[in-house]
Amino acid sequence: RLHQVNFEAPTCEGKRRETLALIGDFSSSAEFFVTIAVFAFLYSLAATVVYIFFQNKYRENNRGPLIDFIVTVVFSFLWLVSSSAWAKGLSDVKVATDPDEVLLLLSACKQQSNKCLPVRSPVMSSLNTSVVFGYLNFILWAGNIWFVFKETGWHSSGQRHPADTMEKQPGGYNQGGYNQDSYGPAGGYNQPGSYGQVGEYGQPQSYGQSGPTSFANQI
């Protein structure tokens, strides 16, 4: 809330000083960022206690992993939104607290005969670090989605279907015409007399199926 920050500035009229205030209110983005950080910290503590002391109840009916997965996705999204909002808010804070912008508020600096220069620039390293850690938290929570998803029943059911398919494939190839007696000794293609039999006039038969061979034998 920069508009609530007051400071005294010197004037060119002796010892008289004027009270000025900065311009802008960027508290909403900062409060949102801090709120998400606090709730994420509390949830992480609660989840750690559940992982260590209530592992059986966590896996009971698969409710624990599903809730954990949904909450992790939500926090990942909130970390991204809050970090982006705070990065935009911090950029506005830097503009509002820029020494060149602050000097424009001073009545003494508005006179062309006076030349005002800033003594030092504001330090923003800690605020920049908070934005970096916000995006790092987003990466951490987003990467944790995969590990939480592996604990849910959705991942388990997805792993079972390919295994069931592979188990059913050998049975499918062993059924039907691939493994039946049609190619064996008793089939129509390998029956004795199908090839090389002598007909009525002493000529070898050229039939390759059992139907014509049987007809020739009957004659």
C-alpha atoms as a PDB file:
ATOM      1  CA  ARG A   1       0.000   0.000   0.000  1.00  0.00           C
ATOM      2  CA  LEU A   2       2.321   2.703  -1.246  1.00  0.00           C
ATOM      3  CA  HIS A   3      -0.346   5.366  -0.938  1.00  0.00           C
ATOM      4  CA  GLN A   4      -0.098   4.923   2.832  1.00  0.00           C
ATOM      5  CA  VAL A   5       3.669   5.440   2.888  1.00  0.00           C
ATOM      6  CA  ASN A   6       4.435   9.061   3.771  1.00  0.00           C
ATOM      7  CA  PHE A   7       7.794  10.772   3.687  1.00  0.00           C
ATOM      8  CA  GLU A   8       9.057  14.282   4.256  1.00  0.00           C
ATOM      9  CA  ALA A   9      10.803  16.148   1.486  1.00  0.00           C
ATOM     10  CA  PRO A  10      12.853  19.363   1.792  1.00  0.00           C
ATOM     11  CA  THR A  11      11.790  22.554   0.130  1.00  0.00           C
ATOM     12  CA  CYS A  12      13.665  25.567  -1.122  1.00  0.00           C
ATOM     13  CA  GLU A  13      12.048  27.772   1.498  1.00  0.00           C
ATOM     14  CA  GLY A  14      14.387  27.436   4.429  1.00  0.00           C
ATOM     15  CA  LYS A  15      13.666  24.727   6.979  1.00  0.00           C
ATOM     16  CA  ARG A  16      10.120  24.013   5.925  1.00  0.00           C
ATOM     17  CA  ARG A  17       9.471  20.425   4.838  1.00  0.00           C
ATOM     18  CA  GLU A  18       6.494  18.971   3.013  1.00  0.00           C
ATOM     19  CA  THR A  19       4.863  15.597   3.596  1.00  0.00           C
ATOM     20  CA  LEU A  20       4.256  13.480   0.507  1.00  0.00           C
ATOM     21  CA  ALA A  21       2.944   9.981  -0.201  1.00  0.00           C
ATOM     22  CA  LEU A  22       3.814   7.451  -2.857  1.00  0.00           C
ATOM     23  CA  ILE A  23       1.285   6.444  -5.503  1.00  0.00           C
ATOM     24  CA  GLY A  24      -0.213   2.980  -5.916  1.00  0.00           C
ATOM     25  CA  ASP A  25      -1.753   0.054  -4.029  1.00  0.00           C
ATOM     26  CA  PHE A  26      -0.309  -3.338  -4.936  1.00  0.00           C
ATOM     27  CA  SER A  27      -1.202  -5.173  -1.756  1.00  0.00           C
ATOM     28  CA  SER A  28      -3.727  -7.580  -3.341  1.00  0.00           C
ATOM     29  CA  SER A  29      -1.150  -9.503  -5.381  1.00  0.00           C
ATOM     30  CA  ALA A  30       1.261  -9.667  -2.444  1.00  0.00           C
ATOM     31  CA  GLU A  31      -1.444 -10.873  -0.044  1.00  0.00           C
ATOM     32  CA  PHE A  32      -2.604 -13.511  -2.506  1.00  0.00           C
ATOM     33  CA  PHE A  33       0.953 -14.763  -2.946  1.00  0.00           C
ATOM     34  CA  VAL A  34       1.566 -14.979   0.807  1.00  0.00           C
ATOM     35  CA  THR A  35      -1.804 -16.676   1.441  1.00  0.00           C
ATOM     36  CA  ILE A  36      -1.053 -19.449  -1.062  1.00  0.00           C
ATOM     37  CA  ALA A  37       2.381 -19.912   0.494  1.00  0.00           C
ATOM     38  CA  VAL A  38       0.926 -20.273   4.000  1.00  0.00           C
ATOM     39  CA  PHE A  39      -1.762 -22.763   2.969  1.00  0.00           C
ATOM     40  CA  ALA A  40       0.747 -24.786   0.940  1.00  0.00           C
ATOM     41  CA  PHE A  41       3.046 -24.938   3.952  1.00  0.00           C
ATOM     42  CA  LEU A  42       0.238 -26.114   6.244  1.00  0.00           C
ATOM     43  CA  TYR A  43      -0.920 -28.748   3.769  1.00  0.00           C
ATOM     44  CA  SER A  44       2.621 -30.029   3.339  1.00  0.00           C
ATOM     45  CA  LEU A  45       2.937 -30.476   7.113  1.00  0.00           C
ATOM     46  CA  ALA A  46      -0.406 -32.288   7.303  1.00  0.00           C
ATOM     47  CA  ALA A  47       0.484 -34.530   4.358  1.00  0.00           C
ATOM     48  CA  THR A  48       3.827 -35.413   5.943  1.00  0.00           C
ATOM     49  CA  VAL A  49       2.092 -36.512   9.152  1.00  0.00           C
ATOM     50  CA  VAL A  50      -0.377 -38.637   7.166  1.00  0.00           C
ATOM     51  CA  TYR A  51       2.388 -40.255   5.104  1.00  0.00           C
ATOM     52  CA  ILE A  52       4.326 -41.250   8.209  1.00  0.00           C
ATOM     53  CA  PHE A  53       1.693 -42.192  10.795  1.00  0.00           C
ATOM     54  CA  PHE A  54      -1.499 -42.934   8.822  1.00  0.00           C
ATOM     55  CA  GLN A  55      -0.253 -44.786   5.762  1.00  0.00           C
ATOM     56  CA  ASN A  56      -2.933 -47.498   5.993  1.00  0.00           C
ATOM     57  CA  LYS A  57      -5.801 -45.018   6.184  1.00  0.00           C
ATOM     58  CA  TYR A  58      -4.210 -43.013   3.393  1.00  0.00           C
ATOM     59  CA  ARG A  59      -4.422 -45.987   1.020  1.00  0.00           C
ATOM     60  CA  GLU A  60      -7.825 -47.171   2.254  1.00  0.00           C
ATOM     61  CA  ASN A  61     -10.416 -47.150  -0.563  1.00  0.00           C
ATOM     62  CA  ASN A  62      -7.952 -45.124  -2.657  1.00  0.00           C
ATOM     63  CA  ARG A  63      -9.473 -41.908  -1.280  1.00  0.00           C
ATOM     64  CA  GLY A  64      -6.266 -40.549   0.175  1.00  0.00           C
ATOM     65  CA  PRO A  65      -4.245 -40.644  -3.058  1.00  0.00           C
ATOM     66  CA  LEU A  66      -7.131 -39.187  -5.077  1.00  0.00           C
ATOM     67  CA  ILE A  67      -7.580 -36.270  -2.664  1.00  0.00           C
ATOM     68  CA  ASP A  68      -3.831 -35.732  -2.553  1.00  0.00           C
ATOM     69  CA  PHE A  69      -3.678 -35.730  -6.362  1.00  0.00           C
ATOM     70  CA  ILE A  70      -6.482 -33.175  -6.728  1.00  0.00           C
ATOM     71  CA  VAL A  71      -5.040 -30.882  -4.042  1.00  0.00           C
ATOM     72  CA  THR A  72      -1.577 -31.064  -5.646  1.00  0.00           C
ATOM     73  CA  VAL A  73      -2.989 -30.051  -9.028  1.00  0.00           C
ATOM     74  CA  VAL A  74      -4.891 -27.147  -7.449  1.00  0.00           C
ATOM     75  CA  PHE A  75      -1.857 -25.892  -5.547  1.00  0.00           C
ATOM     76  CA  SER A  76       0.301 -26.130  -8.671  1.00  0.00           C
ATOM     77  CA  PHE A  77      -2.146 -23.927 -10.545  1.00  0.00           C
ATOM     78  CA  LEU A  78      -2.414 -21.479  -7.632  1.00  0.00           C
ATOM     79  CA  TRP A  79       1.358 -21.216  -7.339  1.00  0.00           C
ATOM     80  CA  LEU A  80       1.585 -20.302 -11.014  1.00  0.00           C
ATOM     81  CA  VAL A  81      -1.192 -17.709 -10.771  1.00  0.00           C
ATOM     82  CA  SER A  82       0.019 -16.150  -7.510  1.00  0.00           C
ATOM     83  CA  SER A  83       3.643 -16.003  -8.654  1.00  0.00           C
ATOM     84  CA  SER A  84       2.636 -14.334 -11.916  1.00  0.00           C
ATOM     85  CA  ALA A  85       0.401 -11.863 -10.070  1.00  0.00           C
ATOM     86  CA  TRP A  86       3.132 -11.003  -7.592  1.00  0.00           C
ATOM     87  CA  ALA A  87       5.699 -10.617 -10.394  1.00  0.00           C
ATOM     88  CA  LYS A  88       3.392  -8.092 -12.076  1.00  0.00           C
ATOM     89  CA  GLY A  89       2.777  -6.343  -8.750  1.00  0.00           C
ATOM     90  CA  LEU A  90       6.490  -6.155  -8.039  1.00  0.00           C
ATOM     91  CA  SER A  91       7.092  -4.652 -11.457  1.00  0.00           C
ATOM     92  CA  ASP A  92       4.537  -1.944 -10.653  1.00  0.00           C
ATOM     93  CA  VAL A  93       6.171  -1.366  -7.264  1.00  0.00           C
ATOM     94  CA  LYS A  94       9.533  -0.836  -8.944  1.00  0.00           C
ATOM     95  CA  VAL A  95       8.018   1.748 -11.259  1.00  0.00           C
ATOM     96  CA  ALA A  96       6.228   3.543  -8.416  1.00  0.00           C
ATOM     97  CA  THR A  97       9.359   3.657  -6.241  1.00  0.00           C
ATOM     98  CA  ASP A  98      11.735   4.590  -9.017  1.00  0.00           C
ATOM     99  CA  PRO A  99      13.764   7.594  -7.790  1.00  0.00           C
ATOM    100  CA  ASP A 100      13.090   9.483 -11.001  1.00  0.00           C
ATOM    101  CA  GLU A 101       9.340   9.064 -10.463  1.00  0.00           C
ATOM    102  CA  VAL A 102       9.540  10.040  -6.802  1.00  0.00           C
ATOM    103  CA  LEU A 103      11.449  13.230  -7.639  1.00  0.00           C
ATOM    104  CA  LEU A 104       8.539  14.316  -9.792  1.00  0.00           C
ATOM    105  CA  LEU A 105       6.400  14.465  -6.633  1.00  0.00           C
ATOM    106  CA  LEU A 106       8.642  17.066  -4.986  1.00  0.00           C
ATOM    107  CA  SER A 107       7.608  20.665  -5.505  1.00  0.00           C
ATOM    108  CA  ALA A 108      11.214  21.817  -5.299  1.00  0.00           C
ATOM    109  CA  CYS A 109      12.187  19.507  -8.152  1.00  0.00           C
ATOM    110  CA  LYS A 110       9.412  20.868 -10.356  1.00  0.00           C
ATOM    111  CA  GLN A 111      11.195  24.200 -10.604  1.00  0.00           C
ATOM    112  CA  GLN A 112      13.448  24.340 -13.624  1.00  0.00           C
ATOM    113  CA  SER A 113      16.158  26.221 -11.726  1.00  0.00           C
ATOM    114  CA  ASN A 114      16.605  23.289  -9.334  1.00  0.00           C
ATOM    115  CA  LYS A 115      18.323  20.052 -10.220  1.00  0.00           C
ATOM    116  CA  CYS A 116      17.393  16.994  -8.131  1.00  0.00           C
ATOM    117  CA  LEU A 117      19.358  13.757  -8.120  1.00  0.00           C
ATOM    118  CA  PRO A 118      18.701  10.519  -6.146  1.00  0.00           C
ATOM    119  CA  VAL A 119      21.172   9.656  -3.413  1.00  0.00           C
ATOM    120  CA  ARG A 120      20.760   5.865  -3.770  1.00  0.00           C
ATOM    121  CA  SER A 121      18.537   3.380  -5.592  1.00  0.00           C
ATOM    122  CA  PRO A 122      16.026   1.163  -3.759  1.00  0.00           C
ATOM    123  CA  VAL A 123      17.091  -2.403  -2.930  1.00  0.00           C
ATOM    124  CA  MET A 124      14.768  -5.009  -4.491  1.00  0.00           C
ATOM    125  CA  SER A 125      16.858  -8.165  -4.134  1.00  0.00           C
ATOM    126  CA  SER A 126      14.669  -9.749  -1.442  1.00  0.00           C
ATOM    127  CA  LEU A 127      11.502  -9.090  -3.435  1.00  0.00           C
ATOM    128  CA  ASN A 128      13.059 -10.536  -6.589  1.00  0.00           C
ATOM    129  CA  THR A 129      14.020 -13.614  -4.594  1.00  0.00           C
ATOM    130  CA  SER A 130      10.421 -14.097  -3.470  1.00  0.00           C
ATOM    131  CA  VAL A 131       9.243 -14.176  -7.086  1.00  0.00           C
ATOM    132  CA  VAL A 132      11.931 -16.711  -8.009  1.00  0.00           C
ATOM    133  CA  PHE A 133      10.947 -18.964  -5.111  1.00  0.00           C
ATOM    134  CA  GLY A 134       7.316 -18.657  -6.143  1.00  0.00           C
ATOM    135  CA  TYR A 135       8.047 -20.101  -9.583  1.00  0.00           C
ATOM    136  CA  LEU A 136      10.308 -22.743  -8.048  1.00  0.00           C
ATOM    137  CA  ASN A 137       7.402 -23.825  -5.859  1.00  0.00           C
ATOM    138  CA  PHE A 138       5.230 -24.114  -8.962  1.00  0.00           C
ATOM    139  CA  ILE A 139       7.828 -26.363 -10.621  1.00  0.00           C
ATOM    140  CA  LEU A 140       8.112 -28.464  -7.457  1.00  0.00           C
ATOM    141  CA  TRP A 141       4.370 -28.959  -7.044  1.00  0.00           C
ATOM    142  CA  ALA A 142       3.813 -29.565 -10.759  1.00  0.00           C
ATOM    143  CA  GLY A 143       6.554 -32.197 -10.806  1.00  0.00           C
ATOM    144  CA  ASN A 144       5.025 -33.856  -7.762  1.00  0.00           C
ATOM    145  CA  ILE A 145       1.768 -34.427  -9.682  1.00  0.00           C
ATOM    146  CA  TRP A 146       3.265 -37.450 -11.449  1.00  0.00           C
ATOM    147  CA  PHE A 147       4.408 -39.117  -8.228  1.00  0.00           C
ATOM    148  CA  VAL A 148       1.022 -38.580  -6.579  1.00  0.00           C
ATOM    149  CA  PHE A 149      -0.752 -39.859  -9.702  1.00  0.00           C
ATOM    150  CA  LYS A 150       1.201 -43.120  -9.479  1.00  0.00           C
ATOM    151  CA  GLU A 151      -0.381 -43.737  -6.058  1.00  0.00           C
ATOM    152  CA  THR A 152      -3.940 -43.408  -7.379  1.00  0.00           C
ATOM    153  CA  GLY A 153      -6.150 -46.149  -8.756  1.00  0.00           C
ATOM    154  CA  TRP A 154      -6.180 -44.472 -12.159  1.00  0.00           C
ATOM    155  CA  HIS A 155      -2.526 -45.324 -12.709  1.00  0.00           C
ATOM    156  CA  SER A 156      -3.034 -48.894 -11.422  1.00  0.00           C
ATOM    157  CA  SER A 157      -5.994 -49.534 -13.720  1.00  0.00           C
ATOM    158  CA  GLY A 158      -4.057 -48.158 -16.659  1.00  0.00           C
ATOM    159  CA  GLN A 159      -1.254 -50.628 -15.959  1.00  0.00           C
ATOM    160  CA  ARG A 160      -3.598 -53.633 -15.757  1.00  0.00           C
ATOM    161  CA  HIS A 161      -5.188 -53.288 -19.195  1.00  0.00           C
ATOM    162  CA  PRO A 162      -2.045 -53.926 -21.266  1.00  0.00           C
ATOM    163  CA  ALA A 163      -1.188 -56.930 -19.096  1.00  0.00           C
ATOM    164  CA  ASP A 164      -4.653 -58.415 -19.573  1.00  0.00           C
ATOM    165  CA  THR A 165      -4.384 -57.893 -23.314  1.00  0.00           C
ATOM    166  CA  MET A 166      -1.052 -59.684 -23.474  1.00  0.00           C
ATOM    167  CA  GLU A 167      -2.459 -62.572 -21.450  1.00  0.00           C
ATOM    168  CA  LYS A 168      -5.387 -62.975 -23.810  1.00  0.00           C
ATOM    169  CA  GLN A 169      -3.335 -62.880 -27.011  1.00  0.00           C
ATOM    170  CA  PRO A 170      -1.783 -66.396 -26.761  1.00  0.00           C
ATOM    171  CA  GLY A 171      -5.207 -67.903 -26.231  1.00  0.00           C
ATOM    172  CA  GLY A 172      -6.532 -66.135 -29.305  1.00  0.00           C
ATOM    173  CA  TYR A 173      -3.768 -67.499 -31.541  1.00  0.00           C
ATOM    174  CA  ASN A 174      -4.145 -71.010 -30.197  1.00  0.00           C
ATOM    175  CA  GLN A 175      -7.812 -71.024 -31.102  1.00  0.00           C
ATOM    176  CA  GLY A 176      -9.357 -71.191 -34.499  1.00  0.00           C
ATOM    177  CA  GLY A 177      -7.490 -72.297 -37.609  1.00  0.00           C
ATOM    178  CA  TYR A 178      -3.912 -71.603 -36.543  1.00  0.00           C
ATOM    179  CA  ASN A 179      -3.397 -74.448 -34.118  1.00  0.00           C
ATOM    180  CA  GLN A 180      -6.023 -76.936 -35.149  1.00  0.00           C
ATOM    181  CA  ASP A 181      -5.631 -80.266 -36.846  1.00  0.00           C
ATOM    182  CA  SER A 182      -6.109 -78.774 -40.290  1.00  0.00           C
ATOM    183  CA  TYR A 183      -2.317 -78.617 -40.657  1.00  0.00           C
ATOM    184  CA  GLY A 184      -1.636 -81.755 -38.681  1.00  0.00           C
ATOM    185  CA  PRO A 185      -1.511 -85.350 -39.761  1.00  0.00           C
ATOM    186  CA  ALA A 186      -5.287 -85.706 -39.606  1.00  0.00           C
ATOM    187  CA  GLY A 187      -6.097 -82.551 -41.588  1.00  0.00           C
ATOM    188  CA  GLY A 188      -7.182 -82.337 -45.171  1.00  0.00           C
ATOM    189  CA  TYR A 189      -3.845 -81.025 -46.357  1.00  0.00           C
ATOM    190  CA  ASN A 190      -1.611 -83.746 -44.975  1.00  0.00           C
ATOM    191  CA  GLN A 191      -3.821 -86.784 -45.307  1.00  0.00           C
ATOM    192  CA  PRO A 192      -2.261 -89.889 -46.781  1.00  0.00           C
ATOM    193  CA  GLY A 193      -3.267 -90.300 -50.362  1.00  0.00           C
ATOM    194  CA  SER A 194      -3.711 -86.610 -50.991  1.00  0.00           C
ATOM    195  CA  TYR A 195      -0.562 -86.487 -53.078  1.00  0.00           C
ATOM    196  CA  GLY A 196       0.973 -89.073 -55.324  1.00  0.00           C
ATOM    197  CA  GLN A 197      -1.914 -91.608 -55.515  1.00  0.00           C
ATOM    198  CA  VAL A 198      -2.377 -93.693 -58.611  1.00  0.00           C
ATOM    199  CA  GLY A 199      -5.677 -93.407 -60.426  1.00  0.00           C
ATOM    200  CA  GLU A 200      -7.616 -95.939 -62.373  1.00  0.00           C
ATOM    201  CA  TYR A 201      -5.499 -95.584 -65.510  1.00  0.00           C
ATOM    202  CA  GLY A 202      -2.142 -95.561 -63.726  1.00  0.00           C
ATOM    203  CA  GLN A 203      -1.616 -91.831 -63.794  1.00  0.00           C
ATOM    204  CA  PRO A 204      -0.583 -89.981 -60.651  1.00  0.00           C
ATOM    205  CA  GLN A 205      -3.257 -87.837 -59.147  1.00  0.00           C
ATOM    206  CA  SER A 206      -2.592 -84.061 -58.902  1.00  0.00           C
ATOM    207  CA  TYR A 207      -5.308 -83.242 -56.446  1.00  0.00           C
ATOM    208  CA  GLY A 208      -4.219 -81.301 -53.359  1.00  0.00           C
ATOM    209  CA  GLN A 209      -7.397 -81.693 -51.304  1.00  0.00           C
ATOM    210  CA  SER A 210      -9.078 -84.550 -49.625  1.00  0.00           C
ATOM    211  CA  GLY A 211     -12.375 -84.154 -51.524  1.00  0.00           C
ATOM    212  CA  PRO A 212     -11.225 -85.223 -55.010  1.00  0.00           C
ATOM    213  CA  THR A 213      -8.938 -87.894 -53.567  1.00  0.00           C
ATOM    214  CA  SER A 214     -11.823 -89.537 -51.766  1.00  0.00           C
ATOM    215  CA  PHE A 215     -13.863 -89.442 -54.962  1.00  0.00           C
ATOM    216  CA  ALA A 216     -11.055 -91.098 -56.894  1.00  0.00           C
ATOM    217  CA  ASN A 217     -10.729 -93.824 -54.293  1.00  0.00           C
ATOM    218  CA  GLN A 218     -14.419 -94.540 -54.479  1.00  0.00           C
ATOM    219  CA  ILE A 219     -14.173 -94.992 -58.241  1.00  0.00           C
END
